[in-house]
Amino acid sequence: MKEFKYVVTDPEGIHARPAGILVKAIAKKTSDIKIKKAGDTREVNAKSIMAVMSLGVKKGNEVITAEGEDEEDAIAEIQKVLEENL
């Protein structure tokens, strides 16, 4: 299991555009990639735009992610997307 923690800096949090970019970037990864907002017990499928948006991640929230066969590559891609878009 590989984790990556990131504090969201976008004033809008994770809204439709960055959620869509994230989902598209990791859609073909074979790993079971989850995303969780720190302090929330829910952990959702990061390959589902509706699930990602359902977390209601706002600016300042920390998101935690991933696990699986290509987890190193998946985490690198997630980190890139978050840093460029949030």
C-alpha atoms as a PDB file:
ATOM      1  CA  MET A   1       0.000   0.000   0.000  1.00  0.00           C
ATOM      2  CA  LYS A   2       1.261   3.434  -0.956  1.00  0.00           C
ATOM      3  CA  GLU A   3      -0.119   6.669   0.428  1.00  0.00           C
ATOM      4  CA  PHE A   4       0.170  10.252  -0.675  1.00  0.00           C
ATOM      5  CA  LYS A   5      -1.110  13.132   1.415  1.00  0.00           C
ATOM      6  CA  TYR A   6      -1.933  16.453  -0.160  1.00  0.00           C
ATOM      7  CA  VAL A   7      -3.498  19.613   1.261  1.00  0.00           C
ATOM      8  CA  VAL A   8      -5.872  21.182  -1.257  1.00  0.00           C
ATOM      9  CA  THR A   9      -4.995  24.812  -2.021  1.00  0.00           C
ATOM     10  CA  ASP A  10      -7.640  25.601  -4.657  1.00  0.00           C
ATOM     11  CA  PRO A  11     -10.224  28.037  -3.209  1.00  0.00           C
ATOM     12  CA  GLU A  12     -13.025  25.921  -4.716  1.00  0.00           C
ATOM     13  CA  GLY A  13     -11.696  22.592  -3.401  1.00  0.00           C
ATOM     14  CA  ILE A  14     -12.138  19.507  -5.569  1.00  0.00           C
ATOM     15  CA  HIS A  15     -14.881  20.545  -7.966  1.00  0.00           C
ATOM     16  CA  ALA A  16     -15.926  19.046 -11.309  1.00  0.00           C
ATOM     17  CA  ARG A  17     -12.971  20.149 -13.457  1.00  0.00           C
ATOM     18  CA  PRO A  18     -10.106  18.877 -11.265  1.00  0.00           C
ATOM     19  CA  ALA A  19     -12.111  15.791 -10.280  1.00  0.00           C
ATOM     20  CA  GLY A  20     -12.562  14.985 -13.977  1.00  0.00           C
ATOM     21  CA  ILE A  21      -8.864  15.503 -14.671  1.00  0.00           C
ATOM     22  CA  LEU A  22      -7.952  13.211 -11.767  1.00  0.00           C
ATOM     23  CA  VAL A  23     -10.366  10.461 -12.803  1.00  0.00           C
ATOM     24  CA  LYS A  24      -9.215  10.596 -16.442  1.00  0.00           C
ATOM     25  CA  ALA A  25      -5.534  10.456 -15.426  1.00  0.00           C
ATOM     26  CA  ILE A  26      -5.924   7.292 -13.337  1.00  0.00           C
ATOM     27  CA  ALA A  27      -8.767   5.511 -15.136  1.00  0.00           C
ATOM     28  CA  LYS A  28      -6.501   2.935 -16.801  1.00  0.00           C
ATOM     29  CA  LYS A  29      -4.451   2.117 -13.709  1.00  0.00           C
ATOM     30  CA  THR A  30      -4.988  -1.409 -12.402  1.00  0.00           C
ATOM     31  CA  SER A  31      -4.515  -0.423  -8.760  1.00  0.00           C
ATOM     32  CA  ASP A  32      -7.452  -0.037  -6.416  1.00  0.00           C
ATOM     33  CA  ILE A  33      -7.163   3.705  -5.892  1.00  0.00           C
ATOM     34  CA  LYS A  34      -9.119   5.279  -3.074  1.00  0.00           C
ATOM     35  CA  ILE A  35      -9.370   8.839  -1.903  1.00  0.00           C
ATOM     36  CA  LYS A  36     -10.244   9.921   1.585  1.00  0.00           C
ATOM     37  CA  LYS A  37     -10.621  13.316   3.171  1.00  0.00           C
ATOM     38  CA  ALA A  38      -8.743  13.568   6.477  1.00  0.00           C
ATOM     39  CA  GLY A  39     -11.176  13.429   9.364  1.00  0.00           C
ATOM     40  CA  ASP A  40     -13.845  11.625   7.317  1.00  0.00           C
ATOM     41  CA  THR A  41     -14.471   7.899   7.665  1.00  0.00           C
ATOM     42  CA  ARG A  42     -15.559   7.494   4.037  1.00  0.00           C
ATOM     43  CA  GLU A  43     -13.068   6.220   1.494  1.00  0.00           C
ATOM     44  CA  VAL A  44     -14.212   6.374  -2.129  1.00  0.00           C
ATOM     45  CA  ASN A  45     -13.155   5.050  -5.514  1.00  0.00           C
ATOM     46  CA  ALA A  46     -10.897   7.718  -7.056  1.00  0.00           C
ATOM     47  CA  LYS A  47     -11.822   6.459 -10.541  1.00  0.00           C
ATOM     48  CA  SER A  48     -15.406   7.682 -10.099  1.00  0.00           C
ATOM     49  CA  ILE A  49     -16.018  11.401 -10.579  1.00  0.00           C
ATOM     50  CA  MET A  50     -19.262  11.262  -8.605  1.00  0.00           C
ATOM     51  CA  ALA A  51     -17.586   9.467  -5.707  1.00  0.00           C
ATOM     52  CA  VAL A  52     -14.685  11.957  -5.630  1.00  0.00           C
ATOM     53  CA  MET A  53     -17.044  14.921  -5.670  1.00  0.00           C
ATOM     54  CA  SER A  54     -19.250  13.351  -2.981  1.00  0.00           C
ATOM     55  CA  LEU A  55     -16.452  13.841  -0.440  1.00  0.00           C
ATOM     56  CA  GLY A  56     -16.892  17.604  -0.595  1.00  0.00           C
ATOM     57  CA  VAL A  57     -13.163  18.313  -0.335  1.00  0.00           C
ATOM     58  CA  LYS A  58     -12.591  22.016   0.360  1.00  0.00           C
ATOM     59  CA  LYS A  59      -9.537  24.252   0.459  1.00  0.00           C
ATOM     60  CA  GLY A  60      -7.273  23.240   3.341  1.00  0.00           C
ATOM     61  CA  ASN A  61      -8.586  19.657   3.486  1.00  0.00           C
ATOM     62  CA  GLU A  62      -6.023  16.915   3.323  1.00  0.00           C
ATOM     63  CA  VAL A  63      -6.701  14.059   0.940  1.00  0.00           C
ATOM     64  CA  ILE A  64      -5.086  10.672   1.306  1.00  0.00           C
ATOM     65  CA  THR A  65      -4.759   8.095  -1.434  1.00  0.00           C
ATOM     66  CA  ALA A  66      -3.823   4.381  -3.132  1.00  0.00           C
ATOM     67  CA  GLU A  67      -2.948   0.616  -3.346  1.00  0.00           C
ATOM     68  CA  GLY A  68      -2.270  -2.064  -5.966  1.00  0.00           C
ATOM     69  CA  GLU A  69      -0.052  -3.453  -8.683  1.00  0.00           C
ATOM     70  CA  ASP A  70       0.913  -0.141 -10.281  1.00  0.00           C
ATOM     71  CA  GLU A  71       0.526   1.922  -7.119  1.00  0.00           C
ATOM     72  CA  GLU A  72       3.864   3.725  -7.515  1.00  0.00           C
ATOM     73  CA  ASP A  73       2.888   4.956 -10.976  1.00  0.00           C
ATOM     74  CA  ALA A  74      -0.667   5.736  -9.827  1.00  0.00           C
ATOM     75  CA  ILE A  75       0.547   7.792  -6.866  1.00  0.00           C
ATOM     76  CA  ALA A  76       2.980   9.707  -9.096  1.00  0.00           C
ATOM     77  CA  GLU A  77       0.135  10.517 -11.487  1.00  0.00           C
ATOM     78  CA  ILE A  78      -2.186  11.560  -8.643  1.00  0.00           C
ATOM     79  CA  GLN A  79       0.513  13.792  -7.158  1.00  0.00           C
ATOM     80  CA  LYS A  80       1.095  15.458 -10.533  1.00  0.00           C
ATOM     81  CA  VAL A  81      -2.609  16.075 -11.124  1.00  0.00           C
ATOM     82  CA  LEU A  82      -3.242  17.465  -7.638  1.00  0.00           C
ATOM     83  CA  GLU A  83      -0.224  19.755  -7.673  1.00  0.00           C
ATOM     84  CA  GLU A  84      -1.055  21.114 -11.130  1.00  0.00           C
ATOM     85  CA  ASN A  85      -4.793  21.544 -10.570  1.00  0.00           C
ATOM     86  CA  LEU A  86      -5.444  22.004  -6.860  1.00  0.00           C
END
